[in-house]
């Protein structure tokens, strides 16, 4: 009976770890999406007038902005992911 209780506890802890990782990843992705929109609004993905990369620059500029936003978020970002993670964690614990 004790082994069954221990196995149940380990399963619950493993599930909690997976949930925590999933929540943190979701929060980081949401922050990256927010940052990408802010970088686009700031004109980071827009083609420069002095250096014309042609059609390719226009088409692939959004990929560059998204990659930059992902890196900013993964490096700690602006703190939005941590705030979202804490909020989602509290909501998860209330359920």
N, C-alpha and C. Protein backbone atom coordinates (compact mmCIF):
# COMPACT_ATOMS: atom_id res chain seq x y z
N UNK A 1 0.82 -1.18 0.00
CA UNK A 1 0.00 0.00 0.00
C UNK A 1 0.88 1.26 0.00
N UNK A 2 1.99 1.24 0.71
CA UNK A 2 2.89 2.37 0.78
C UNK A 2 3.54 2.64 -0.58
N UNK A 3 3.88 1.56 -1.30
CA UNK A 3 4.48 1.72 -2.63
C UNK A 3 3.48 2.36 -3.59
N UNK A 4 2.21 2.02 -3.45
CA UNK A 4 1.17 2.60 -4.30
C UNK A 4 1.03 4.10 -4.02
N UNK A 5 1.09 4.48 -2.77
CA UNK A 5 1.02 5.89 -2.38
C UNK A 5 2.21 6.65 -2.93
N UNK A 6 3.40 6.06 -2.83
CA UNK A 6 4.61 6.69 -3.36
C UNK A 6 4.52 6.86 -4.87
N UNK A 7 4.04 5.84 -5.56
CA UNK A 7 3.91 5.90 -7.02
C UNK A 7 2.90 6.97 -7.42
N UNK A 8 1.83 7.07 -6.67
CA UNK A 8 0.83 8.10 -6.94
C UNK A 8 1.40 9.50 -6.73
N UNK A 9 2.20 9.66 -5.69
CA UNK A 9 2.82 10.95 -5.40
C UNK A 9 3.82 11.33 -6.50
N UNK A 10 4.60 10.36 -6.96
CA UNK A 10 5.57 10.62 -8.03
C UNK A 10 4.84 11.00 -9.31
N UNK A 11 3.74 10.31 -9.60
CA UNK A 11 2.96 10.63 -10.80
C UNK A 11 2.40 12.05 -10.72
N UNK A 12 1.90 12.43 -9.56
CA UNK A 12 1.36 13.77 -9.38
C UNK A 12 2.46 14.82 -9.52
N UNK A 13 3.64 14.55 -8.98
CA UNK A 13 4.76 15.49 -9.09
C UNK A 13 5.22 15.62 -10.54
N UNK A 14 5.26 14.50 -11.26
CA UNK A 14 5.66 14.52 -12.66
C UNK A 14 4.66 15.32 -13.48
N UNK A 15 3.39 15.13 -13.21
CA UNK A 15 2.35 15.88 -13.92
C UNK A 15 2.48 17.38 -13.62
N UNK A 16 2.78 17.72 -12.38
CA UNK A 16 2.95 19.13 -11.99
C UNK A 16 4.14 19.75 -12.72
N UNK A 17 5.22 19.00 -12.86
CA UNK A 17 6.41 19.49 -13.58
C UNK A 17 6.07 19.75 -15.04
N UNK A 18 5.36 18.81 -15.67
CA UNK A 18 4.98 18.97 -17.08
C UNK A 18 4.06 20.17 -17.26
N UNK A 19 3.14 20.36 -16.32
CA UNK A 19 2.23 21.50 -16.38
C UNK A 19 3.00 22.80 -16.24
N UNK A 20 3.94 22.85 -15.32
CA UNK A 20 4.75 24.04 -15.10
C UNK A 20 5.56 24.39 -16.34
N UNK A 21 6.17 23.39 -16.95
CA UNK A 21 6.96 23.61 -18.17
C UNK A 21 6.06 24.11 -19.30
N UNK A 22 4.88 23.52 -19.44
CA UNK A 22 3.96 23.93 -20.50
C UNK A 22 3.47 25.36 -20.28
N UNK A 23 3.16 25.72 -19.04
CA UNK A 23 2.71 27.08 -18.74
C UNK A 23 3.81 28.10 -19.02
N UNK A 24 5.04 27.78 -18.63
CA UNK A 24 6.15 28.70 -18.86
C UNK A 24 6.40 28.87 -20.36
N UNK A 25 6.33 27.79 -21.10
CA UNK A 25 6.53 27.87 -22.56
C UNK A 25 5.42 28.69 -23.21
N UNK A 26 4.18 28.50 -22.78
CA UNK A 26 3.06 29.27 -23.33
C UNK A 26 3.23 30.76 -23.02
N UNK A 27 3.65 31.07 -21.81
CA UNK A 27 3.86 32.47 -21.42
C UNK A 27 4.98 33.10 -22.24
N UNK A 28 6.05 32.36 -22.47
CA UNK A 28 7.17 32.88 -23.26
C UNK A 28 6.75 33.11 -24.71
N UNK A 29 5.97 32.18 -25.27
CA UNK A 29 5.49 32.36 -26.65
C UNK A 29 4.57 33.56 -26.77
N UNK A 30 3.73 33.77 -25.76
CA UNK A 30 2.83 34.91 -25.79
C UNK A 30 3.62 36.22 -25.70
N UNK A 31 4.65 36.25 -24.86
CA UNK A 31 5.49 37.44 -24.78
C UNK A 31 6.20 37.68 -26.10
N UNK A 32 6.69 36.63 -26.74
CA UNK A 32 7.37 36.78 -28.03
C UNK A 32 6.42 37.33 -29.09
N UNK A 33 5.19 36.87 -29.07
CA UNK A 33 4.19 37.37 -30.03
C UNK A 33 3.93 38.86 -29.78
N UNK A 34 3.79 39.22 -28.51
CA UNK A 34 3.58 40.62 -28.15
C UNK A 34 4.78 41.46 -28.60
N UNK A 35 5.97 40.99 -28.34
CA UNK A 35 7.17 41.73 -28.73
C UNK A 35 7.27 41.88 -30.24
N UNK A 36 6.91 40.83 -30.99
CA UNK A 36 6.95 40.89 -32.45
C UNK A 36 6.00 41.98 -32.95
N UNK A 37 4.82 42.06 -32.35
CA UNK A 37 3.87 43.10 -32.75
C UNK A 37 4.41 44.49 -32.42
N UNK A 38 5.03 44.62 -31.27
CA UNK A 38 5.59 45.91 -30.89
C UNK A 38 6.76 46.31 -31.80
N UNK A 39 7.59 45.34 -32.14
CA UNK A 39 8.71 45.62 -33.05
C UNK A 39 8.19 46.00 -34.43
N UNK A 40 7.15 45.32 -34.89
CA UNK A 40 6.54 45.69 -36.18
C UNK A 40 5.97 47.09 -36.13
N UNK A 41 5.28 47.43 -35.04
CA UNK A 41 4.69 48.76 -34.89
C UNK A 41 5.78 49.84 -34.86
N UNK A 42 6.94 49.48 -34.34
CA UNK A 42 8.05 50.42 -34.29
C UNK A 42 8.76 50.55 -35.65
N UNK A 43 8.36 49.71 -36.60
CA UNK A 43 8.92 49.79 -37.94
C UNK A 43 10.18 48.97 -38.14
N UNK A 44 10.46 48.04 -37.22
CA UNK A 44 11.68 47.25 -37.35
C UNK A 44 11.69 46.38 -38.59
N UNK A 45 10.55 45.85 -38.99
CA UNK A 45 10.50 44.97 -40.15
C UNK A 45 10.33 45.68 -41.47
N UNK A 46 10.20 47.00 -41.44
CA UNK A 46 9.99 47.76 -42.66
C UNK A 46 11.29 47.90 -43.44
N UNK A 47 11.15 47.89 -44.75
CA UNK A 47 12.32 48.06 -45.61
C UNK A 47 12.84 49.50 -45.50
N UNK A 48 14.13 49.64 -45.49
CA UNK A 48 14.75 50.96 -45.44
C UNK A 48 14.76 51.56 -46.85
N UNK A 49 14.62 52.85 -46.92
CA UNK A 49 14.63 53.52 -48.21
C UNK A 49 16.02 53.57 -48.83
N UNK A 50 17.05 53.66 -47.98
CA UNK A 50 18.40 53.79 -48.50
C UNK A 50 18.98 52.46 -48.97
N UNK A 51 18.48 51.37 -48.44
CA UNK A 51 18.99 50.05 -48.83
C UNK A 51 17.80 49.20 -49.22
N UNK A 52 17.66 48.96 -50.50
CA UNK A 52 16.49 48.23 -50.98
C UNK A 52 16.86 46.78 -51.23
N UNK A 53 16.33 45.91 -50.39
CA UNK A 53 16.57 44.48 -50.53
C UNK A 53 15.60 43.82 -51.49
N UNK A 54 14.74 44.61 -52.06
CA UNK A 54 13.79 44.10 -53.03
C UNK A 54 12.63 43.37 -52.39
N UNK A 55 12.01 42.55 -53.20
CA UNK A 55 10.83 41.81 -52.77
C UNK A 55 11.15 40.86 -51.63
N UNK A 56 12.30 40.26 -51.65
CA UNK A 56 12.69 39.32 -50.60
C UNK A 56 12.74 39.96 -49.23
N UNK A 57 13.24 41.17 -49.18
CA UNK A 57 13.31 41.87 -47.90
C UNK A 57 11.91 42.12 -47.35
N UNK A 58 11.00 42.49 -48.21
CA UNK A 58 9.62 42.72 -47.79
C UNK A 58 8.96 41.43 -47.31
N UNK A 59 9.22 40.35 -48.02
CA UNK A 59 8.56 39.08 -47.71
C UNK A 59 9.13 38.42 -46.46
N UNK A 60 10.43 38.53 -46.25
CA UNK A 60 11.05 37.81 -45.15
C UNK A 60 11.37 38.68 -43.94
N UNK A 61 11.06 39.96 -44.01
CA UNK A 61 11.29 40.85 -42.88
C UNK A 61 10.53 40.42 -41.64
N UNK A 62 9.32 39.89 -41.82
CA UNK A 62 8.52 39.46 -40.66
C UNK A 62 9.16 38.27 -39.96
N UNK A 63 9.84 37.42 -40.71
CA UNK A 63 10.54 36.28 -40.10
C UNK A 63 11.69 36.75 -39.21
N UNK A 64 12.39 37.77 -39.68
CA UNK A 64 13.49 38.33 -38.90
C UNK A 64 12.96 38.95 -37.61
N UNK A 65 11.88 39.71 -37.71
CA UNK A 65 11.29 40.34 -36.53
C UNK A 65 10.82 39.27 -35.55
N UNK A 66 10.20 38.21 -36.05
CA UNK A 66 9.72 37.14 -35.16
C UNK A 66 10.90 36.44 -34.48
N UNK A 67 11.96 36.18 -35.22
CA UNK A 67 13.14 35.53 -34.63
C UNK A 67 13.77 36.43 -33.56
N UNK A 68 13.82 37.72 -33.83
CA UNK A 68 14.37 38.64 -32.84
C UNK A 68 13.48 38.70 -31.59
N UNK A 69 12.18 38.71 -31.78
CA UNK A 69 11.25 38.73 -30.65
C UNK A 69 11.37 37.45 -29.82
N UNK A 70 11.52 36.30 -30.49
CA UNK A 70 11.71 35.03 -29.78
C UNK A 70 12.97 35.07 -28.92
N UNK A 71 14.04 35.59 -29.47
CA UNK A 71 15.30 35.66 -28.73
C UNK A 71 15.20 36.62 -27.55
N UNK A 72 14.52 37.73 -27.75
CA UNK A 72 14.35 38.69 -26.65
C UNK A 72 13.55 38.03 -25.53
N UNK A 73 12.47 37.34 -25.88
CA UNK A 73 11.63 36.69 -24.86
C UNK A 73 12.39 35.60 -24.13
N UNK A 74 13.17 34.80 -24.86
CA UNK A 74 13.91 33.70 -24.24
C UNK A 74 15.05 34.22 -23.35
N UNK A 75 15.52 35.43 -23.63
CA UNK A 75 16.60 36.02 -22.83
C UNK A 75 16.07 36.76 -21.60
N UNK A 76 14.78 36.69 -21.37
CA UNK A 76 14.20 37.35 -20.21
C UNK A 76 13.17 38.39 -20.58
N UNK A 77 13.24 38.87 -21.80
CA UNK A 77 12.24 39.79 -22.31
C UNK A 77 12.02 41.01 -21.46
N UNK A 78 10.77 41.39 -21.37
CA UNK A 78 10.39 42.59 -20.61
C UNK A 78 9.67 42.22 -19.32
N UNK A 79 9.66 40.94 -18.98
CA UNK A 79 9.03 40.49 -17.75
C UNK A 79 7.58 40.07 -17.92
N UNK A 80 7.06 40.20 -19.11
CA UNK A 80 5.68 39.83 -19.35
C UNK A 80 5.45 38.33 -19.19
N UNK A 81 6.38 37.52 -19.68
CA UNK A 81 6.23 36.07 -19.58
C UNK A 81 6.17 35.61 -18.11
N UNK A 82 7.00 36.20 -17.27
CA UNK A 82 7.00 35.82 -15.85
C UNK A 82 5.68 36.19 -15.19
N UNK A 83 5.16 37.37 -15.51
CA UNK A 83 3.87 37.80 -14.96
C UNK A 83 2.75 36.88 -15.43
N UNK A 84 2.76 36.55 -16.72
CA UNK A 84 1.76 35.63 -17.25
C UNK A 84 1.88 34.25 -16.62
N UNK A 85 3.10 33.77 -16.47
CA UNK A 85 3.32 32.46 -15.87
C UNK A 85 2.77 32.41 -14.45
N UNK A 86 3.06 33.43 -13.67
CA UNK A 86 2.56 33.46 -12.29
C UNK A 86 1.04 33.47 -12.25
N UNK A 87 0.45 34.26 -13.13
CA UNK A 87 -1.00 34.35 -13.17
C UNK A 87 -1.62 33.01 -13.59
N UNK A 88 -1.05 32.40 -14.61
CA UNK A 88 -1.56 31.10 -15.07
C UNK A 88 -1.36 30.02 -14.01
N UNK A 89 -0.25 30.09 -13.30
CA UNK A 89 0.02 29.12 -12.23
C UNK A 89 -1.00 29.25 -11.10
N UNK A 90 -1.32 30.50 -10.73
CA UNK A 90 -2.31 30.71 -9.69
C UNK A 90 -3.68 30.20 -10.12
N UNK A 91 -4.02 30.46 -11.38
CA UNK A 91 -5.29 29.99 -11.91
C UNK A 91 -5.33 28.47 -11.92
N UNK A 92 -4.22 27.85 -12.30
CA UNK A 92 -4.13 26.38 -12.33
C UNK A 92 -4.28 25.80 -10.94
N UNK A 93 -3.69 26.44 -9.95
CA UNK A 93 -3.77 25.95 -8.57
C UNK A 93 -5.15 26.13 -7.98
N UNK A 94 -5.91 27.12 -8.47
CA UNK A 94 -7.26 27.34 -7.98
C UNK A 94 -8.25 26.30 -8.49
N UNK A 95 -7.92 25.67 -9.60
CA UNK A 95 -8.83 24.68 -10.20
C UNK A 95 -8.78 23.38 -9.48
